[in-house]
Amino acid sequence: MDNEQIREVFQSLGEISIRKMFGGKGIYHQGRILAIELNDELLLKADVETAPHFAAAGAVQWSYEGKSGKKANMPYWSIPDEALDDPDIMAIWVRRAWETALRAK
């Protein structure tokens, strides 16, 4: 996903910055990370308050297998299908990710 496409997704927030990280990209607003792009997929940040919304919408939590073989769940979720073609619905999910970023320490 190129940077212009990413900016389009997050346009409801205003200015974002995009930084390379871990073979992907970190997406920031006002200095706080709210999403990542990895393997051409955008993943939005969620926490205990917002993760249930993502799960209920059919989104998938990003996880990987650690060195010990144990699954590690990360605080990033796929974008629900309903938001992919609707900017108004996307803005709701982007707002949830931003609210999560604000709660993060």
C-alpha atoms as a PDB file:
ATOM      1  CA  MET A   1       0.000   0.000   0.000  1.00  0.00           C
ATOM      2  CA  ASP A   2       1.518   3.324  -0.965  1.00  0.00           C
ATOM      3  CA  ASN A   3       1.587   6.359   1.304  1.00  0.00           C
ATOM      4  CA  GLU A   4      -1.111   8.241  -0.603  1.00  0.00           C
ATOM      5  CA  GLN A   5      -3.518   5.333  -0.195  1.00  0.00           C
ATOM      6  CA  ILE A   6      -2.732   5.254   3.532  1.00  0.00           C
ATOM      7  CA  ARG A   7      -3.315   9.006   3.847  1.00  0.00           C
ATOM      8  CA  GLU A   8      -6.674   8.591   2.124  1.00  0.00           C
ATOM      9  CA  VAL A   9      -7.758   5.999   4.695  1.00  0.00           C
ATOM     10  CA  PHE A  10      -6.866   8.325   7.586  1.00  0.00           C
ATOM     11  CA  GLN A  11      -8.107  11.578   6.031  1.00  0.00           C
ATOM     12  CA  SER A  12     -10.860  11.917   8.644  1.00  0.00           C
ATOM     13  CA  LEU A  13      -8.172  12.574  11.286  1.00  0.00           C
ATOM     14  CA  GLY A  14      -6.238  15.125   9.314  1.00  0.00           C
ATOM     15  CA  GLU A  15      -2.452  15.080   9.063  1.00  0.00           C
ATOM     16  CA  ILE A  16      -0.705  11.763   9.665  1.00  0.00           C
ATOM     17  CA  SER A  17       2.922  10.740   9.426  1.00  0.00           C
ATOM     18  CA  ILE A  18       4.176   7.455   8.053  1.00  0.00           C
ATOM     19  CA  ARG A  19       7.452   5.886   9.158  1.00  0.00           C
ATOM     20  CA  LYS A  20       9.185   2.722   8.049  1.00  0.00           C
ATOM     21  CA  MET A  21       9.344   0.044  10.715  1.00  0.00           C
ATOM     22  CA  PHE A  22       9.885  -3.734  10.939  1.00  0.00           C
ATOM     23  CA  GLY A  23       9.549  -4.272   7.206  1.00  0.00           C
ATOM     24  CA  GLY A  24       6.294  -2.293   7.200  1.00  0.00           C
ATOM     25  CA  LYS A  25       5.097   1.172   8.136  1.00  0.00           C
ATOM     26  CA  GLY A  26       3.877   2.845  11.306  1.00  0.00           C
ATOM     27  CA  ILE A  27       1.031   5.340  10.949  1.00  0.00           C
ATOM     28  CA  TYR A  28       1.054   8.202  13.460  1.00  0.00           C
ATOM     29  CA  HIS A  29      -1.208  11.113  14.319  1.00  0.00           C
ATOM     30  CA  GLN A  30       0.033  13.829  16.661  1.00  0.00           C
ATOM     31  CA  GLY A  31       3.044  11.667  17.507  1.00  0.00           C
ATOM     32  CA  ARG A  32       1.046   8.596  18.560  1.00  0.00           C
ATOM     33  CA  ILE A  33       0.966   5.355  16.622  1.00  0.00           C
ATOM     34  CA  LEU A  34      -2.538   4.251  15.693  1.00  0.00           C
ATOM     35  CA  ALA A  35      -1.964   1.737  12.908  1.00  0.00           C
ATOM     36  CA  ILE A  36       0.622  -0.263  11.038  1.00  0.00           C
ATOM     37  CA  GLU A  37       0.923  -1.414   7.470  1.00  0.00           C
ATOM     38  CA  LEU A  38       2.454  -4.850   7.143  1.00  0.00           C
ATOM     39  CA  ASN A  39       2.559  -7.066   4.058  1.00  0.00           C
ATOM     40  CA  ASP A  40       0.304  -4.604   2.204  1.00  0.00           C
ATOM     41  CA  GLU A  41      -2.395  -4.782   4.916  1.00  0.00           C
ATOM     42  CA  LEU A  42      -3.459  -1.981   7.233  1.00  0.00           C
ATOM     43  CA  LEU A  43      -3.951  -2.959  10.860  1.00  0.00           C
ATOM     44  CA  LEU A  44      -5.626  -0.612  13.346  1.00  0.00           C
ATOM     45  CA  LYS A  45      -4.645  -0.345  16.998  1.00  0.00           C
ATOM     46  CA  ALA A  46      -7.143  -1.677  19.548  1.00  0.00           C
ATOM     47  CA  ASP A  47      -7.228  -2.285  23.282  1.00  0.00           C
ATOM     48  CA  VAL A  48      -9.530  -3.946  25.817  1.00  0.00           C
ATOM     49  CA  GLU A  49     -12.139  -1.276  25.192  1.00  0.00           C
ATOM     50  CA  THR A  50     -12.154  -1.377  21.383  1.00  0.00           C
ATOM     51  CA  ALA A  51     -11.043  -4.935  20.563  1.00  0.00           C
ATOM     52  CA  PRO A  52     -14.546  -6.357  21.170  1.00  0.00           C
ATOM     53  CA  HIS A  53     -15.890  -4.023  18.457  1.00  0.00           C
ATOM     54  CA  PHE A  54     -13.269  -5.288  16.017  1.00  0.00           C
ATOM     55  CA  ALA A  55     -13.979  -8.924  16.868  1.00  0.00           C
ATOM     56  CA  ALA A  56     -17.754  -8.433  16.522  1.00  0.00           C
ATOM     57  CA  ALA A  57     -17.217  -6.914  13.069  1.00  0.00           C
ATOM     58  CA  GLY A  58     -15.219  -9.947  11.920  1.00  0.00           C
ATOM     59  CA  ALA A  59     -11.779  -8.329  12.077  1.00  0.00           C
ATOM     60  CA  VAL A  60      -8.749 -10.491  12.848  1.00  0.00           C
ATOM     61  CA  GLN A  61      -6.137  -9.746  15.490  1.00  0.00           C
ATOM     62  CA  TRP A  62      -2.534  -9.766  14.311  1.00  0.00           C
ATOM     63  CA  SER A  63      -0.459 -12.465  15.955  1.00  0.00           C
ATOM     64  CA  TYR A  64       2.798 -14.233  15.298  1.00  0.00           C
ATOM     65  CA  GLU A  65       4.642 -17.244  16.605  1.00  0.00           C
ATOM     66  CA  GLY A  66       7.461 -16.298  18.949  1.00  0.00           C
ATOM     67  CA  LYS A  67      10.843 -17.997  19.204  1.00  0.00           C
ATOM     68  CA  SER A  68       9.520 -20.360  21.850  1.00  0.00           C
ATOM     69  CA  GLY A  69       6.704 -21.409  19.530  1.00  0.00           C
ATOM     70  CA  LYS A  70       4.154 -19.572  21.637  1.00  0.00           C
ATOM     71  CA  LYS A  71       1.567 -17.405  19.874  1.00  0.00           C
ATOM     72  CA  ALA A  72       1.927 -13.688  20.586  1.00  0.00           C
ATOM     73  CA  ASN A  73      -1.135 -11.482  20.063  1.00  0.00           C
ATOM     74  CA  MET A  74      -0.426  -7.897  19.099  1.00  0.00           C
ATOM     75  CA  PRO A  75      -2.745  -4.916  19.690  1.00  0.00           C
ATOM     76  CA  TYR A  76      -3.505  -4.470  15.987  1.00  0.00           C
ATOM     77  CA  TRP A  77      -6.553  -5.684  14.069  1.00  0.00           C
ATOM     78  CA  SER A  78      -7.529  -5.940  10.422  1.00  0.00           C
ATOM     79  CA  ILE A  79      -9.987  -3.395   9.082  1.00  0.00           C
ATOM     80  CA  PRO A  80     -13.550  -4.724   9.085  1.00  0.00           C
ATOM     81  CA  ASP A  81     -14.821  -5.460   5.581  1.00  0.00           C
ATOM     82  CA  GLU A  82     -17.740  -3.042   5.961  1.00  0.00           C
ATOM     83  CA  ALA A  83     -15.289  -0.123   6.169  1.00  0.00           C
ATOM     84  CA  LEU A  84     -13.192  -0.910   3.104  1.00  0.00           C
ATOM     85  CA  ASP A  85     -15.477   0.799   0.583  1.00  0.00           C
ATOM     86  CA  ASP A  86     -17.229   3.339   2.799  1.00  0.00           C
ATOM     87  CA  PRO A  87     -15.251   6.391   3.979  1.00  0.00           C
ATOM     88  CA  ASP A  88     -17.849   7.253   6.628  1.00  0.00           C
ATOM     89  CA  ILE A  89     -17.636   3.803   8.208  1.00  0.00           C
ATOM     90  CA  MET A  90     -13.841   3.839   7.850  1.00  0.00           C
ATOM     91  CA  ALA A  91     -13.784   7.115   9.794  1.00  0.00           C
ATOM     92  CA  ILE A  92     -15.501   5.355  12.728  1.00  0.00           C
ATOM     93  CA  TRP A  93     -12.825   2.640  12.836  1.00  0.00           C
ATOM     94  CA  VAL A  94     -10.010   5.149  12.423  1.00  0.00           C
ATOM     95  CA  ARG A  95     -11.495   7.144  15.330  1.00  0.00           C
ATOM     96  CA  ARG A  96     -11.522   4.003  17.487  1.00  0.00           C
ATOM     97  CA  ALA A  97      -7.859   3.385  16.690  1.00  0.00           C
ATOM     98  CA  TRP A  98      -7.049   7.026  17.535  1.00  0.00           C
ATOM     99  CA  GLU A  99      -8.927   6.799  20.856  1.00  0.00           C
ATOM    100  CA  THR A 100      -6.936   3.638  21.619  1.00  0.00           C
ATOM    101  CA  ALA A 101      -3.686   5.478  20.843  1.00  0.00           C
ATOM    102  CA  LEU A 102      -4.684   8.259  23.216  1.00  0.00           C
ATOM    103  CA  ARG A 103      -5.295   5.747  26.039  1.00  0.00           C
ATOM    104  CA  ALA A 104      -1.962   3.970  25.479  1.00  0.00           C
ATOM    105  CA  LYS A 105       0.882   4.880  27.792  1.00  0.00           C
END
